Amino acid sequence: MPRPSRYANCPRCAGHELVILAEADHIDEMNMNPLRLVQRVFGARLYYCHTCRLQYYDLRRRRPAGQKHAD
C-alpha cells in the first residue's frame, strides 16, 4: 500500500501538475468522493488536473516547483 503524500495529487492519474481554480467548471468532471466533499466544507482548494481533466477538492498544498517525488 502506497504511503500517503503530504502534497495534493490527482486521485485518478496521481499526477502533480495541478492548477487551483477559483470556481468549478461545469464542463469537466468533478470527483464526488464523500471525503473530497467534506474537505470542501473545511475550506479545501479546488484543484484541476490537465492530464485527465478532473476537478477535486483537497486540503493539501501543491508540490513546490522543481521538487522531486520524495515525500
PDB file of N, CA and C in Angstrom:
ATOM      1  N   MET A   1       0.845  -1.183   0.000  1.00  0.00           N
ATOM      2  CA  MET A   1       0.000   0.000   0.000  1.00  0.00           C
ATOM      3  C   MET A   1       0.888   1.244   0.000  1.00  0.00           C
ATOM      4  N   PRO A   2       0.615   2.192  -0.936  1.00  0.00           N
ATOM      5  CA  PRO A   2       1.449   3.392  -1.009  1.00  0.00           C
ATOM      6  C   PRO A   2       1.267   4.294   0.211  1.00  0.00           C
ATOM      7  N   ARG A   3       2.337   4.967   0.546  1.00  0.00           N
ATOM      8  CA  ARG A   3       2.321   5.892   1.674  1.00  0.00           C
ATOM      9  C   ARG A   3       1.573   7.169   1.284  1.00  0.00           C
ATOM     10  N   PRO A   4       0.756   7.731   2.181  1.00  0.00           N
ATOM     11  CA  PRO A   4       0.041   8.976   1.862  1.00  0.00           C
ATOM     12  C   PRO A   4       1.028  10.120   1.604  1.00  0.00           C
ATOM     13  N   SER A   5       0.689  10.966   0.678  1.00  0.00           N
ATOM     14  CA  SER A   5       1.544  12.085   0.310  1.00  0.00           C
ATOM     15  C   SER A   5       1.168  13.329   1.107  1.00  0.00           C
ATOM     16  N   ARG A   6       2.141  14.169   1.367  1.00  0.00           N
ATOM     17  CA  ARG A   6       1.836  15.427   2.052  1.00  0.00           C
ATOM     18  C   ARG A   6       1.386  16.501   1.074  1.00  0.00           C
ATOM     19  N   TYR A   7       1.521  16.213  -0.222  1.00  0.00           N
ATOM     20  CA  TYR A   7       1.108  17.149  -1.265  1.00  0.00           C
ATOM     21  C   TYR A   7      -0.090  16.594  -2.032  1.00  0.00           C
ATOM     22  N   ALA A   8      -0.881  17.495  -2.580  1.00  0.00           N
ATOM     23  CA  ALA A   8      -2.042  17.088  -3.370  1.00  0.00           C
ATOM     24  C   ALA A   8      -1.586  16.394  -4.643  1.00  0.00           C
ATOM     25  N   ASN A   9      -2.295  15.368  -5.022  1.00  0.00           N
ATOM     26  CA  ASN A   9      -2.077  14.698  -6.296  1.00  0.00           C
ATOM     27  C   ASN A   9      -3.437  14.244  -6.820  1.00  0.00           C
ATOM     28  N   CYS A  10      -3.517  14.090  -8.112  1.00  0.00           N
ATOM     29  CA  CYS A  10      -4.776  13.723  -8.754  1.00  0.00           C
ATOM     30  C   CYS A  10      -5.217  12.328  -8.304  1.00  0.00           C
ATOM     31  N   PRO A  11      -6.471  12.181  -7.874  1.00  0.00           N
ATOM     32  CA  PRO A  11      -6.951  10.868  -7.437  1.00  0.00           C
ATOM     33  C   PRO A  11      -7.096   9.862  -8.579  1.00  0.00           C
ATOM     34  N   ARG A  12      -7.156  10.337  -9.809  1.00  0.00           N
ATOM     35  CA  ARG A  12      -7.327   9.424 -10.944  1.00  0.00           C
ATOM     36  C   ARG A  12      -5.985   8.995 -11.533  1.00  0.00           C
ATOM     37  N   CYS A  13      -5.106   9.950 -11.838  1.00  0.00           N
ATOM     38  CA  CYS A  13      -3.849   9.617 -12.519  1.00  0.00           C
ATOM     39  C   CYS A  13      -2.621   9.802 -11.635  1.00  0.00           C
ATOM     40  N   ALA A  14      -2.796  10.271 -10.413  1.00  0.00           N
ATOM     41  CA  ALA A  14      -1.721  10.501  -9.437  1.00  0.00           C
ATOM     42  C   ALA A  14      -0.733  11.563  -9.899  1.00  0.00           C
ATOM     43  N   GLY A  15      -1.150  12.413 -10.831  1.00  0.00           N
ATOM     44  CA  GLY A  15      -0.286  13.484 -11.314  1.00  0.00           C
ATOM     45  C   GLY A  15      -0.164  14.627 -10.317  1.00  0.00           C
ATOM     46  N   HIS A  16       0.941  15.375 -10.428  1.00  0.00           N
ATOM     47  CA  HIS A  16       1.182  16.504  -9.533  1.00  0.00           C
ATOM     48  C   HIS A  16       1.136  17.833 -10.276  1.00  0.00           C
ATOM     49  N   GLU A  17       0.853  17.819 -11.565  1.00  0.00           N
ATOM     50  CA  GLU A  17       0.751  19.045 -12.355  1.00  0.00           C
ATOM     51  C   GLU A  17      -0.680  19.572 -12.227  1.00  0.00           C
ATOM     52  N   LEU A  18      -0.919  20.355 -11.174  1.00  0.00           N
ATOM     53  CA  LEU A  18      -2.273  20.788 -10.835  1.00  0.00           C
ATOM     54  C   LEU A  18      -2.406  22.296 -10.913  1.00  0.00           C
ATOM     55  N   VAL A  19      -3.619  22.742 -11.181  1.00  0.00           N
ATOM     56  CA  VAL A  19      -3.965  24.155 -11.207  1.00  0.00           C
ATOM     57  C   VAL A  19      -5.052  24.370 -10.164  1.00  0.00           C
ATOM     58  N   ILE A  20      -4.989  25.493  -9.456  1.00  0.00           N
ATOM     59  CA  ILE A  20      -6.036  25.836  -8.491  1.00  0.00           C
ATOM     60  C   ILE A  20      -7.075  26.685  -9.213  1.00  0.00           C
ATOM     61  N   LEU A  21      -8.331  26.273  -9.123  1.00  0.00           N
ATOM     62  CA  LEU A  21      -9.429  27.000  -9.757  1.00  0.00           C
ATOM     63  C   LEU A  21     -10.152  27.869  -8.735  1.00  0.00           C
ATOM     64  N   ALA A  22     -10.676  29.001  -9.191  1.00  0.00           N
ATOM     65  CA  ALA A  22     -11.452  29.882  -8.326  1.00  0.00           C
ATOM     66  C   ALA A  22     -12.868  29.342  -8.133  1.00  0.00           C
ATOM     67  N   GLU A  23     -13.393  28.724  -9.176  1.00  0.00           N
ATOM     68  CA  GLU A  23     -14.736  28.125  -9.088  1.00  0.00           C
ATOM     69  C   GLU A  23     -14.804  26.923 -10.006  1.00  0.00           C
ATOM     70  N   ALA A  24     -15.786  26.076  -9.769  1.00  0.00           N
ATOM     71  CA  ALA A  24     -15.917  24.835 -10.525  1.00  0.00           C
ATOM     72  C   ALA A  24     -16.291  25.111 -11.977  1.00  0.00           C
ATOM     73  N   ASP A  25     -15.722  24.317 -12.867  1.00  0.00           N
ATOM     74  CA  ASP A  25     -16.045  24.350 -14.283  1.00  0.00           C
ATOM     75  C   ASP A  25     -17.115  23.281 -14.510  1.00  0.00           C
ATOM     76  N   HIS A  26     -18.244  23.647 -15.055  1.00  0.00           N
ATOM     77  CA  HIS A  26     -19.355  22.709 -15.187  1.00  0.00           C
ATOM     78  C   HIS A  26     -19.237  21.792 -16.401  1.00  0.00           C
ATOM     79  N   ILE A  27     -18.169  21.950 -17.184  1.00  0.00           N
ATOM     80  CA  ILE A  27     -17.964  21.087 -18.339  1.00  0.00           C
ATOM     81  C   ILE A  27     -17.139  19.860 -17.953  1.00  0.00           C
ATOM     82  N   ASP A  28     -16.035  20.076 -17.224  1.00  0.00           N
ATOM     83  CA  ASP A  28     -15.168  18.969 -16.837  1.00  0.00           C
ATOM     84  C   ASP A  28     -15.732  18.241 -15.620  1.00  0.00           C
ATOM     85  N   GLU A  29     -15.327  16.974 -15.485  1.00  0.00           N
ATOM     86  CA  GLU A  29     -15.844  16.101 -14.425  1.00  0.00           C
ATOM     87  C   GLU A  29     -15.350  16.532 -13.039  1.00  0.00           C
ATOM     88  N   MET A  30     -16.220  16.389 -12.034  1.00  0.00           N
ATOM     89  CA  MET A  30     -15.894  16.677 -10.635  1.00  0.00           C
ATOM     90  C   MET A  30     -15.851  15.365  -9.867  1.00  0.00           C
ATOM     91  N   ASN A  31     -14.810  15.167  -9.071  1.00  0.00           N
ATOM     92  CA  ASN A  31     -14.703  13.986  -8.223  1.00  0.00           C
ATOM     93  C   ASN A  31     -15.679  14.162  -7.060  1.00  0.00           C
ATOM     94  N   MET A  32     -16.666  13.289  -6.942  1.00  0.00           N
ATOM     95  CA  MET A  32     -17.715  13.412  -5.924  1.00  0.00           C
ATOM     96  C   MET A  32     -17.503  12.450  -4.756  1.00  0.00           C
ATOM     97  N   ASN A  33     -16.259  12.074  -4.491  1.00  0.00           N
ATOM     98  CA  ASN A  33     -15.923  11.235  -3.358  1.00  0.00           C
ATOM     99  C   ASN A  33     -16.382  11.939  -2.069  1.00  0.00           C
ATOM    100  N   PRO A  34     -17.062  11.252  -1.151  1.00  0.00           N
ATOM    101  CA  PRO A  34     -17.551  11.892   0.074  1.00  0.00           C
ATOM    102  C   PRO A  34     -16.447  12.585   0.885  1.00  0.00           C
ATOM    103  N   LEU A  35     -15.258  12.001   0.930  1.00  0.00           N
ATOM    104  CA  LEU A  35     -14.151  12.636   1.643  1.00  0.00           C
ATOM    105  C   LEU A  35     -13.768  13.967   0.993  1.00  0.00           C
ATOM    106  N   ARG A  36     -13.778  14.021  -0.316  1.00  0.00           N
ATOM    107  CA  ARG A  36     -13.467  15.267  -1.032  1.00  0.00           C
ATOM    108  C   ARG A  36     -14.517  16.329  -0.749  1.00  0.00           C
ATOM    109  N   LEU A  37     -15.775  15.922  -0.664  1.00  0.00           N
ATOM    110  CA  LEU A  37     -16.839  16.886  -0.392  1.00  0.00           C
ATOM    111  C   LEU A  37     -16.775  17.407   1.041  1.00  0.00           C
ATOM    112  N   VAL A  38     -16.364  16.575   1.988  1.00  0.00           N
ATOM    113  CA  VAL A  38     -16.170  17.023   3.374  1.00  0.00           C
ATOM    114  C   VAL A  38     -15.017  18.020   3.428  1.00  0.00           C
ATOM    115  N   GLN A  39     -13.964  17.777   2.670  1.00  0.00           N
ATOM    116  CA  GLN A  39     -12.842  18.705   2.629  1.00  0.00           C
ATOM    117  C   GLN A  39     -13.278  20.067   2.103  1.00  0.00           C
ATOM    118  N   ARG A  40     -14.222  20.076   1.174  1.00  0.00           N
ATOM    119  CA  ARG A  40     -14.747  21.344   0.648  1.00  0.00           C
ATOM    120  C   ARG A  40     -15.374  22.159   1.770  1.00  0.00           C
ATOM    121  N   VAL A  41     -16.110  21.508   2.663  1.00  0.00           N
ATOM    122  CA  VAL A  41     -16.746  22.198   3.790  1.00  0.00           C
ATOM    123  C   VAL A  41     -15.690  22.852   4.680  1.00  0.00           C
ATOM    124  N   PHE A  42     -14.513  22.214   4.799  1.00  0.00           N
ATOM    125  CA  PHE A  42     -13.438  22.738   5.630  1.00  0.00           C
ATOM    126  C   PHE A  42     -12.543  23.734   4.898  1.00  0.00           C
ATOM    127  N   GLY A  43     -12.949  24.179   3.720  1.00  0.00           N
ATOM    128  CA  GLY A  43     -12.223  25.221   3.003  1.00  0.00           C
ATOM    129  C   GLY A  43     -11.110  24.738   2.102  1.00  0.00           C
ATOM    130  N   ALA A  44     -11.221  23.533   1.583  1.00  0.00           N
ATOM    131  CA  ALA A  44     -10.195  22.982   0.706  1.00  0.00           C
ATOM    132  C   ALA A  44     -10.157  23.723  -0.626  1.00  0.00           C
ATOM    133  N   ARG A  45      -8.978  23.713  -1.237  1.00  0.00           N
ATOM    134  CA  ARG A  45      -8.802  24.317  -2.555  1.00  0.00           C
ATOM    135  C   ARG A  45      -9.413  23.410  -3.620  1.00  0.00           C
ATOM    136  N   LEU A  46      -9.860  24.021  -4.700  1.00  0.00           N
ATOM    137  CA  LEU A  46     -10.379  23.278  -5.841  1.00  0.00           C
ATOM    138  C   LEU A  46      -9.247  23.111  -6.848  1.00  0.00           C
ATOM    139  N   TYR A  47      -8.804  21.875  -7.048  1.00  0.00           N
ATOM    140  CA  TYR A  47      -7.713  21.570  -7.965  1.00  0.00           C
ATOM    141  C   TYR A  47      -8.264  21.047  -9.281  1.00  0.00           C
ATOM    142  N   TYR A  48      -7.466  21.245 -10.336  1.00  0.00           N
ATOM    143  CA  TYR A  48      -7.811  20.763 -11.661  1.00  0.00           C
ATOM    144  C   TYR A  48      -6.581  20.083 -12.253  1.00  0.00           C
ATOM    145  N   CYS A  49      -6.743  18.873 -12.718  1.00  0.00           N
ATOM    146  CA  CYS A  49      -5.669  18.120 -13.362  1.00  0.00           C
ATOM    147  C   CYS A  49      -5.851  18.215 -14.874  1.00  0.00           C
ATOM    148  N   HIS A  50      -4.861  18.789 -15.570  1.00  0.00           N
ATOM    149  CA  HIS A  50      -4.937  18.918 -17.029  1.00  0.00           C
ATOM    150  C   HIS A  50      -4.827  17.574 -17.726  1.00  0.00           C
ATOM    151  N   THR A  51      -4.131  16.634 -17.124  1.00  0.00           N
ATOM    152  CA  THR A  51      -3.912  15.337 -17.758  1.00  0.00           C
ATOM    153  C   THR A  51      -5.216  14.572 -17.970  1.00  0.00           C
ATOM    154  N   CYS A  52      -6.021  14.472 -16.914  1.00  0.00           N
ATOM    155  CA  CYS A  52      -7.262  13.692 -17.029  1.00  0.00           C
ATOM    156  C   CYS A  52      -8.518  14.559 -16.924  1.00  0.00           C
ATOM    157  N   ARG A  53      -8.355  15.888 -16.859  1.00  0.00           N
ATOM    158  CA  ARG A  53      -9.464  16.848 -16.840  1.00  0.00           C
ATOM    159  C   ARG A  53     -10.427  16.576 -15.686  1.00  0.00           C
ATOM    160  N   LEU A  54      -9.878  16.377 -14.500  1.00  0.00           N
ATOM    161  CA  LEU A  54     -10.664  16.096 -13.315  1.00  0.00           C
ATOM    162  C   LEU A  54     -10.527  17.247 -12.326  1.00  0.00           C
ATOM    163  N   GLN A  55     -11.643  17.636 -11.713  1.00  0.00           N
ATOM    164  CA  GLN A  55     -11.647  18.644 -10.662  1.00  0.00           C
ATOM    165  C   GLN A  55     -11.921  17.941  -9.337  1.00  0.00           C
ATOM    166  N   TYR A  56     -11.263  18.408  -8.273  1.00  0.00           N
ATOM    167  CA  TYR A  56     -11.496  17.814  -6.959  1.00  0.00           C
ATOM    168  C   TYR A  56     -11.013  18.768  -5.879  1.00  0.00           C
ATOM    169  N   TYR A  57     -11.537  18.588  -4.677  1.00  0.00           N
ATOM    170  CA  TYR A  57     -11.150  19.397  -3.526  1.00  0.00           C
ATOM    171  C   TYR A  57     -10.110  18.639  -2.710  1.00  0.00           C
ATOM    172  N   ASP A  58      -9.117  19.390  -2.213  1.00  0.00           N
ATOM    173  CA  ASP A  58      -8.074  18.778  -1.394  1.00  0.00           C
ATOM    174  C   ASP A  58      -7.515  19.830  -0.449  1.00  0.00           C
ATOM    175  N   LEU A  59      -7.328  19.454   0.819  1.00  0.00           N
ATOM    176  CA  LEU A  59      -6.781  20.375   1.821  1.00  0.00           C
ATOM    177  C   LEU A  59      -5.265  20.520   1.705  1.00  0.00           C
ATOM    178  N   ARG A  60      -4.611  19.561   1.066  1.00  0.00           N
ATOM    179  CA  ARG A  60      -3.157  19.610   0.950  1.00  0.00           C
ATOM    180  C   ARG A  60      -2.726  20.634  -0.098  1.00  0.00           C
ATOM    181  N   ARG A  61      -1.492  21.093   0.020  1.00  0.00           N
ATOM    182  CA  ARG A  61      -0.929  22.051  -0.924  1.00  0.00           C
ATOM    183  C   ARG A  61      -0.334  21.337  -2.128  1.00  0.00           C
ATOM    184  N   ARG A  62      -0.113  22.128  -3.206  1.00  0.00           N
ATOM    185  CA  ARG A  62       0.553  21.586  -4.391  1.00  0.00           C
ATOM    186  C   ARG A  62       2.025  21.352  -4.092  1.00  0.00           C
ATOM    187  N   ARG A  63       2.623  20.443  -4.830  1.00  0.00           N
ATOM    188  CA  ARG A  63       4.056  20.180  -4.716  1.00  0.00           C
ATOM    189  C   ARG A  63       4.803  21.410  -5.226  1.00  0.00           C
ATOM    190  N   PRO A  64       5.802  21.897  -4.480  1.00  0.00           N
ATOM    191  CA  PRO A  64       6.587  23.051  -4.952  1.00  0.00           C
ATOM    192  C   PRO A  64       7.269  22.746  -6.287  1.00  0.00           C
ATOM    193  N   ALA A  65       7.387  23.758  -7.126  1.00  0.00           N
ATOM    194  CA  ALA A  65       8.007  23.582  -8.446  1.00  0.00           C
ATOM    195  C   ALA A  65       9.441  23.109  -8.304  1.00  0.00           C
ATOM    196  N   GLY A  66       9.811  22.117  -9.067  1.00  0.00           N
ATOM    197  CA  GLY A  66      11.167  21.599  -9.068  1.00  0.00           C
ATOM    198  C   GLY A  66      11.452  20.550  -8.009  1.00  0.00           C
ATOM    199  N   GLN A  67      10.530  20.275  -7.116  1.00  0.00           N
ATOM    200  CA  GLN A  67      10.764  19.279  -6.076  1.00  0.00           C
ATOM    201  C   GLN A  67      10.525  17.878  -6.626  1.00  0.00           C
ATOM    202  N   LYS A  68      11.365  16.952  -6.251  1.00  0.00           N
ATOM    203  CA  LYS A  68      11.243  15.566  -6.706  1.00  0.00           C
ATOM    204  C   LYS A  68      10.121  14.867  -5.952  1.00  0.00           C
ATOM    205  N   HIS A  69       9.835  13.624  -6.294  1.00  0.00           N
ATOM    206  CA  HIS A  69       8.736  12.861  -5.715  1.00  0.00           C
ATOM    207  C   HIS A  69       9.050  12.259  -4.350  1.00  0.00           C
ATOM    208  N   ALA A  70      10.112  12.638  -3.706  1.00  0.00           N
ATOM    209  CA  ALA A  70      10.450  12.093  -2.376  1.00  0.00           C
ATOM    210  C   ALA A  70       9.663  12.843  -1.316  1.00  0.00           C
ATOM    211  N   ASP A  71       8.595  12.242  -0.842  1.00  0.00           N
ATOM    212  CA  ASP A  71       7.766  12.893   0.200  1.00  0.00           C
ATOM    213  C   ASP A  71       8.335  12.610   1.541  1.00  0.00           C
TER     214      ASP A  71
END
